[in-house]
């Protein structure tokens, strides 16, 4: 369910897209991944002799991650389990990423590690983390600059209701953790650009291409940038069916919707700055 602060645009985008924090849902999801691929088979009390692979993993953990003496590693699984669980649920957000990355690169069973990485990436995407496993390493895929572009566009577009409405809808559709709608998020992102272009062109019925031609009469647009957004408009109108009802869902994902949201936010910011310099007023 969308919260009040999200509907009103009061919750920072960097909190929706988790960059420098991990909420309970994400932390729990990653712990469940660890449980499924590593912990769940460990029921035997004398675990050191029962499961050689886990034994090797925990020796690595004690020696290279926690930097503890190996002889403090307890022979009783329940004691050791409580110790790592307490650490995990009390450590900082970045230490969670350190921990899961270390596990995925230290457990001596590549099949389990591959399964864990794939499962974890699904959790990271579902919970809108700014990070993914790439080539076995936790890597940031959403930058502060991208988030700043979205937040700036939302803030400056507030007085321009059509623009703000479409941009906020694009973010909400993208950020729905249970049922993300990437197809319509992309549609709303490009609709936000159409809305700002129509306001500048003083023609609410113009297509994006038509509006851009009118805008060029009022201000100088960089040719490469204009061409790029003509191309993006074409992308939203092609056979993938973002603007057409098709029987089959188009092959669109998190990265497509994020790219369009960031790009359209950046173009809106660019046009508003250009409009201000050109002395264009909005009714």
Protein backbone atom coordinates (compact mmCIF):
# COMPACT_ATOMS: atom_id res chain seq x y z
CA UNK A 1 0.00 0.00 0.00
CA UNK A 2 1.29 3.47 -0.89
CA UNK A 3 1.86 5.56 2.22
CA UNK A 4 0.63 9.11 2.74
CA UNK A 5 4.14 10.55 2.55
CA UNK A 6 4.74 8.81 -0.77
CA UNK A 7 1.41 9.97 -2.26
CA UNK A 8 2.14 13.56 -1.30
CA UNK A 9 5.69 13.44 -2.53
CA UNK A 10 7.10 14.00 0.95
CA UNK A 11 9.25 10.89 1.25
CA UNK A 12 12.71 11.39 -0.30
CA UNK A 13 13.43 9.29 -3.37
CA UNK A 14 16.66 8.12 -1.76
CA UNK A 15 14.53 6.46 0.92
CA UNK A 16 12.32 4.79 -1.69
CA UNK A 17 15.37 3.62 -3.62
CA UNK A 18 17.57 2.31 -0.82
CA UNK A 19 21.01 3.86 -1.27
CA UNK A 20 22.48 4.50 2.17
CA UNK A 21 20.09 2.43 4.25
CA UNK A 22 18.46 -0.98 4.46
CA UNK A 23 14.91 -1.31 5.75
CA UNK A 24 13.56 -4.33 7.63
CA UNK A 25 12.01 -5.91 4.53
CA UNK A 26 15.32 -5.88 2.67
CA UNK A 27 17.38 -7.05 5.64
CA UNK A 28 14.90 -9.87 6.34
CA UNK A 29 14.81 -10.89 2.68
CA UNK A 30 18.59 -11.20 2.46
CA UNK A 31 18.70 -13.16 5.72
CA UNK A 32 16.10 -15.53 4.30
CA UNK A 33 18.35 -16.02 1.27
CA UNK A 34 21.24 -16.93 3.59
CA UNK A 35 18.97 -19.34 5.46
CA UNK A 36 17.72 -21.05 2.30
CA UNK A 37 21.13 -21.56 0.70
CA UNK A 38 23.39 -21.99 3.73
CA UNK A 39 21.86 -22.27 7.20
CA UNK A 40 18.77 -24.46 6.86
CA UNK A 41 20.62 -27.79 6.68
CA UNK A 42 22.46 -27.12 9.92
CA UNK A 43 20.49 -28.93 12.63
CA UNK A 44 23.17 -31.21 13.99
CA UNK A 45 24.65 -30.10 17.31
CA UNK A 46 28.16 -31.29 16.44
CA UNK A 47 28.11 -29.28 13.26
CA UNK A 48 31.87 -28.94 12.75
CA UNK A 49 32.15 -32.58 11.76
CA UNK A 50 28.68 -32.83 10.23
CA UNK A 51 28.98 -30.27 7.42
CA UNK A 52 32.47 -29.74 6.06
CA UNK A 53 31.53 -26.91 3.66
CA UNK A 54 29.88 -24.85 6.41
CA UNK A 55 32.85 -25.59 8.66
CA UNK A 56 35.20 -24.15 6.03
CA UNK A 57 32.95 -21.12 5.55
CA UNK A 58 32.87 -20.32 9.26
CA UNK A 59 36.58 -20.68 9.64
CA UNK A 60 36.93 -18.10 6.88
CA UNK A 61 34.33 -15.91 8.61
CA UNK A 62 36.07 -16.08 11.98
CA UNK A 63 39.54 -15.56 10.56
CA UNK A 64 39.04 -13.12 7.69
CA UNK A 65 35.72 -11.35 8.28
CA UNK A 66 35.27 -11.06 12.06
CA UNK A 67 39.06 -11.26 12.66
CA UNK A 68 38.51 -13.50 15.70
CA UNK A 69 40.69 -16.38 16.91
CA UNK A 70 39.53 -19.57 15.21
CA UNK A 71 39.61 -21.44 18.52
CA UNK A 72 36.68 -19.25 19.70
CA UNK A 73 34.46 -20.85 17.05
CA UNK A 74 31.93 -22.82 19.08
CA UNK A 75 31.36 -26.51 18.29
CA UNK A 76 27.61 -26.17 18.95
CA UNK A 77 25.71 -24.94 15.90
CA UNK A 78 22.92 -23.22 17.86
CA UNK A 79 25.47 -21.08 19.71
CA UNK A 80 27.31 -20.11 16.52
CA UNK A 81 24.04 -19.45 14.70
CA UNK A 82 22.82 -17.10 17.43
CA UNK A 83 26.14 -15.27 17.26
CA UNK A 84 26.01 -14.55 13.52
CA UNK A 85 22.27 -13.81 13.62
CA UNK A 86 22.77 -11.23 16.35
CA UNK A 87 25.59 -9.66 14.37
CA UNK A 88 23.56 -9.55 11.15
CA UNK A 89 20.45 -7.94 12.62
CA UNK A 90 22.41 -5.30 14.51
CA UNK A 91 25.11 -4.34 12.03
CA UNK A 92 25.09 -1.26 9.77
CA UNK A 93 23.49 -1.34 6.32
CA UNK A 94 26.86 -1.47 4.53
CA UNK A 95 28.03 -4.29 6.80
CA UNK A 96 25.07 -6.36 5.61
CA UNK A 97 26.38 -6.02 2.07
CA UNK A 98 29.92 -6.83 3.25
CA UNK A 99 28.59 -9.95 4.97
CA UNK A 100 26.56 -11.39 2.09
CA UNK A 101 29.34 -10.62 -0.41
CA UNK A 102 31.86 -12.42 1.81
CA UNK A 103 29.59 -15.46 2.15
CA UNK A 104 28.98 -15.66 -1.62
CA UNK A 105 32.73 -15.62 -2.28
CA UNK A 106 33.84 -17.93 0.55
CA UNK A 107 31.46 -20.89 0.61
CA UNK A 108 33.17 -23.82 -1.19
CA UNK A 109 30.19 -24.77 -3.34
CA UNK A 110 29.81 -22.67 -6.48
CA UNK A 111 26.36 -24.00 -7.28
CA UNK A 112 25.01 -22.82 -3.92
CA UNK A 113 26.73 -19.47 -4.35
CA UNK A 114 25.22 -18.94 -7.80
CA UNK A 115 21.77 -19.78 -6.48
CA UNK A 116 22.25 -17.43 -3.54
CA UNK A 117 23.40 -14.55 -5.77
CA UNK A 118 20.46 -14.99 -8.16
CA UNK A 119 17.97 -15.19 -5.27
CA UNK A 120 19.56 -12.17 -3.54
CA UNK A 121 19.43 -10.07 -6.71
CA UNK A 122 15.71 -10.77 -6.95
CA UNK A 123 15.30 -9.54 -3.35
CA UNK A 124 17.47 -6.47 -4.01
CA UNK A 125 15.39 -5.57 -7.06
CA UNK A 126 12.06 -6.22 -5.32
CA UNK A 127 12.99 -4.01 -2.37
CA UNK A 128 14.43 -1.25 -4.60
CA UNK A 129 17.98 -1.50 -3.39
CA UNK A 130 20.50 0.64 -5.24
CA UNK A 131 22.85 -2.38 -5.31
CA UNK A 132 23.17 -5.74 -7.08
CA UNK A 133 25.57 -8.64 -7.21
CA UNK A 134 27.59 -8.19 -10.40
CA UNK A 135 30.36 -10.71 -11.05
CA UNK A 136 30.18 -11.80 -7.41
CA UNK A 137 30.58 -8.27 -6.01
CA UNK A 138 27.99 -5.92 -4.53
CA UNK A 139 27.87 -3.02 -6.99
CA UNK A 140 25.91 0.22 -6.92
CA UNK A 141 23.60 0.55 -9.91
CA UNK A 142 21.73 3.71 -8.86
CA UNK A 143 23.84 6.77 -8.10
CA UNK A 144 23.20 9.77 -5.86
CA UNK A 145 23.24 11.97 -8.97
CA UNK A 146 20.42 9.96 -10.55
CA UNK A 147 18.32 10.26 -7.42
CA UNK A 148 19.07 13.98 -7.20
CA UNK A 149 17.73 14.41 -10.75
CA UNK A 150 14.43 12.75 -9.83
CA UNK A 151 14.05 14.71 -6.58
CA UNK A 152 14.87 18.02 -8.26
CA UNK A 153 12.34 17.37 -11.01
CA UNK A 154 9.62 16.46 -8.50
CA UNK A 155 10.32 19.59 -6.47
CA UNK A 156 10.51 22.08 -9.35
CA UNK A 157 7.51 20.56 -11.14
CA UNK A 158 5.15 20.84 -8.16
CA UNK A 159 3.53 24.09 -9.42
CA UNK A 160 3.06 22.47 -12.86
CA UNK A 161 0.34 19.97 -12.02
CA UNK A 162 0.32 17.88 -15.24
CA UNK A 163 4.09 17.45 -15.13
CA UNK A 164 4.19 16.66 -11.42
CA UNK A 165 1.27 14.24 -11.70
CA UNK A 166 2.89 12.19 -14.47
CA UNK A 167 6.33 12.20 -12.86
CA UNK A 168 4.97 11.20 -9.47
CA UNK A 169 2.89 8.45 -11.08
CA UNK A 170 6.01 7.16 -12.86
CA UNK A 171 7.87 6.99 -9.55
CA UNK A 172 4.97 5.31 -7.74
CA UNK A 173 4.53 2.66 -10.43
CA UNK A 174 8.26 2.02 -10.47
CA UNK A 175 8.52 1.91 -6.66
CA UNK A 176 5.59 -0.43 -5.94
CA UNK A 177 7.44 -3.29 -4.23
CA UNK A 178 4.65 -5.82 -4.55
CA UNK A 179 3.41 -5.08 -8.06
CA UNK A 180 5.86 -2.83 -9.93
CA UNK A 181 4.45 -1.67 -13.27
CA UNK A 182 7.50 -0.85 -15.37
CA UNK A 183 5.52 -0.55 -18.59
CA UNK A 184 3.25 2.18 -17.30
CA UNK A 185 6.03 3.83 -15.31
CA UNK A 186 7.86 4.39 -18.60
CA UNK A 187 4.67 5.71 -20.16
CA UNK A 188 4.20 8.18 -17.29
CA UNK A 189 7.84 9.32 -17.46
CA UNK A 190 7.58 10.23 -21.14
CA UNK A 191 4.15 11.77 -20.51
CA UNK A 192 5.78 14.08 -17.96
CA UNK A 193 8.20 15.24 -20.67
CA UNK A 194 5.30 15.73 -23.09
CA UNK A 195 3.48 17.77 -20.46
CA UNK A 196 6.37 20.17 -19.83
CA UNK A 197 6.99 20.51 -23.57
CA UNK A 198 3.31 21.29 -24.18
CA UNK A 199 3.34 23.93 -21.45
CA UNK A 200 6.40 25.61 -22.93
CA UNK A 201 4.99 25.37 -26.48
CA UNK A 202 1.60 26.65 -25.27
CA UNK A 203 -0.08 23.78 -27.11
CA UNK A 204 -1.63 21.03 -24.98
CA UNK A 205 -2.49 18.88 -28.00
CA UNK A 206 0.95 18.77 -29.60
CA UNK A 207 2.93 15.57 -29.81
CA UNK A 208 6.39 15.60 -28.26
CA UNK A 209 7.99 15.99 -31.68
CA UNK A 210 5.72 18.91 -32.57
CA UNK A 211 6.24 20.56 -29.19
CA UNK A 212 10.03 20.29 -29.46
CA UNK A 213 9.90 22.13 -32.80
CA UNK A 214 7.91 24.94 -31.18
CA UNK A 215 10.29 25.06 -28.22
CA UNK A 216 13.27 25.49 -30.56
CA UNK A 217 11.71 28.77 -31.72
CA UNK A 218 11.81 30.05 -28.13
CA UNK A 219 15.15 28.72 -26.91
CA UNK A 220 18.26 26.94 -28.14
CA UNK A 221 18.23 23.19 -27.58
CA UNK A 222 21.36 21.15 -28.00
CA UNK A 223 20.80 19.16 -31.24
CA UNK A 224 22.10 15.91 -29.76
CA UNK A 225 19.79 16.23 -26.76
CA UNK A 226 16.77 16.98 -28.93
CA UNK A 227 17.60 13.99 -31.13
CA UNK A 228 18.00 11.76 -28.07
CA UNK A 229 14.52 12.62 -26.82
CA UNK A 230 13.00 12.23 -30.26
CA UNK A 231 14.51 8.73 -30.17
CA UNK A 232 13.19 8.07 -26.66
CA UNK A 233 9.73 9.09 -27.81
CA UNK A 234 10.05 6.64 -30.66
CA UNK A 235 11.09 3.93 -28.19
CA UNK A 236 7.87 4.42 -26.24
CA UNK A 237 5.81 4.12 -29.42
CA UNK A 238 7.46 1.09 -31.05
CA UNK A 239 6.40 -2.53 -31.35
CA UNK A 240 7.13 -3.23 -27.67
CA UNK A 241 3.75 -1.70 -27.12
CA UNK A 242 4.37 0.68 -24.22
CA UNK A 243 1.69 2.93 -25.71
CA UNK A 244 -0.27 0.15 -27.38
CA UNK A 245 -2.39 -2.57 -25.86
CA UNK A 246 -0.83 -5.93 -26.71
CA UNK A 247 -1.87 -9.40 -25.69
CA UNK A 248 1.63 -10.16 -24.41
CA UNK A 249 3.49 -8.15 -21.79
CA UNK A 250 6.45 -6.23 -23.23
CA UNK A 251 9.92 -7.25 -22.14
CA UNK A 252 10.57 -4.32 -19.81
CA UNK A 253 12.30 -4.44 -16.45
CA UNK A 254 13.68 -2.40 -13.55
CA UNK A 255 16.62 -1.04 -15.55
CA UNK A 256 14.39 0.17 -18.42
CA UNK A 257 12.01 1.99 -16.09
CA UNK A 258 14.81 3.48 -13.99
CA UNK A 259 16.64 4.74 -17.08
CA UNK A 260 13.50 6.42 -18.41
CA UNK A 261 12.60 7.94 -15.03
CA UNK A 262 16.09 9.40 -14.55
CA UNK A 263 16.42 10.55 -18.17
CA UNK A 264 13.02 12.22 -18.26
CA UNK A 265 13.64 13.88 -14.89
CA UNK A 266 16.92 15.24 -16.21
CA UNK A 267 15.27 16.57 -19.38
CA UNK A 268 12.52 18.24 -17.35
CA UNK A 269 15.15 19.93 -15.17
CA UNK A 270 17.00 21.02 -18.33
CA UNK A 271 13.88 22.49 -19.95
CA UNK A 272 12.84 24.33 -16.80
CA UNK A 273 16.28 25.89 -16.46
CA UNK A 274 16.26 26.88 -20.14
CA UNK A 275 12.75 28.32 -19.79
CA UNK A 276 13.82 30.42 -16.83
CA UNK A 277 16.76 31.87 -18.79
CA UNK A 278 14.49 32.57 -21.78
CA UNK A 279 12.00 34.39 -19.54
CA UNK A 280 9.17 31.97 -20.29
CA UNK A 281 6.34 32.17 -17.80
CA UNK A 282 3.90 29.37 -16.98
CA UNK A 283 0.26 30.21 -16.43
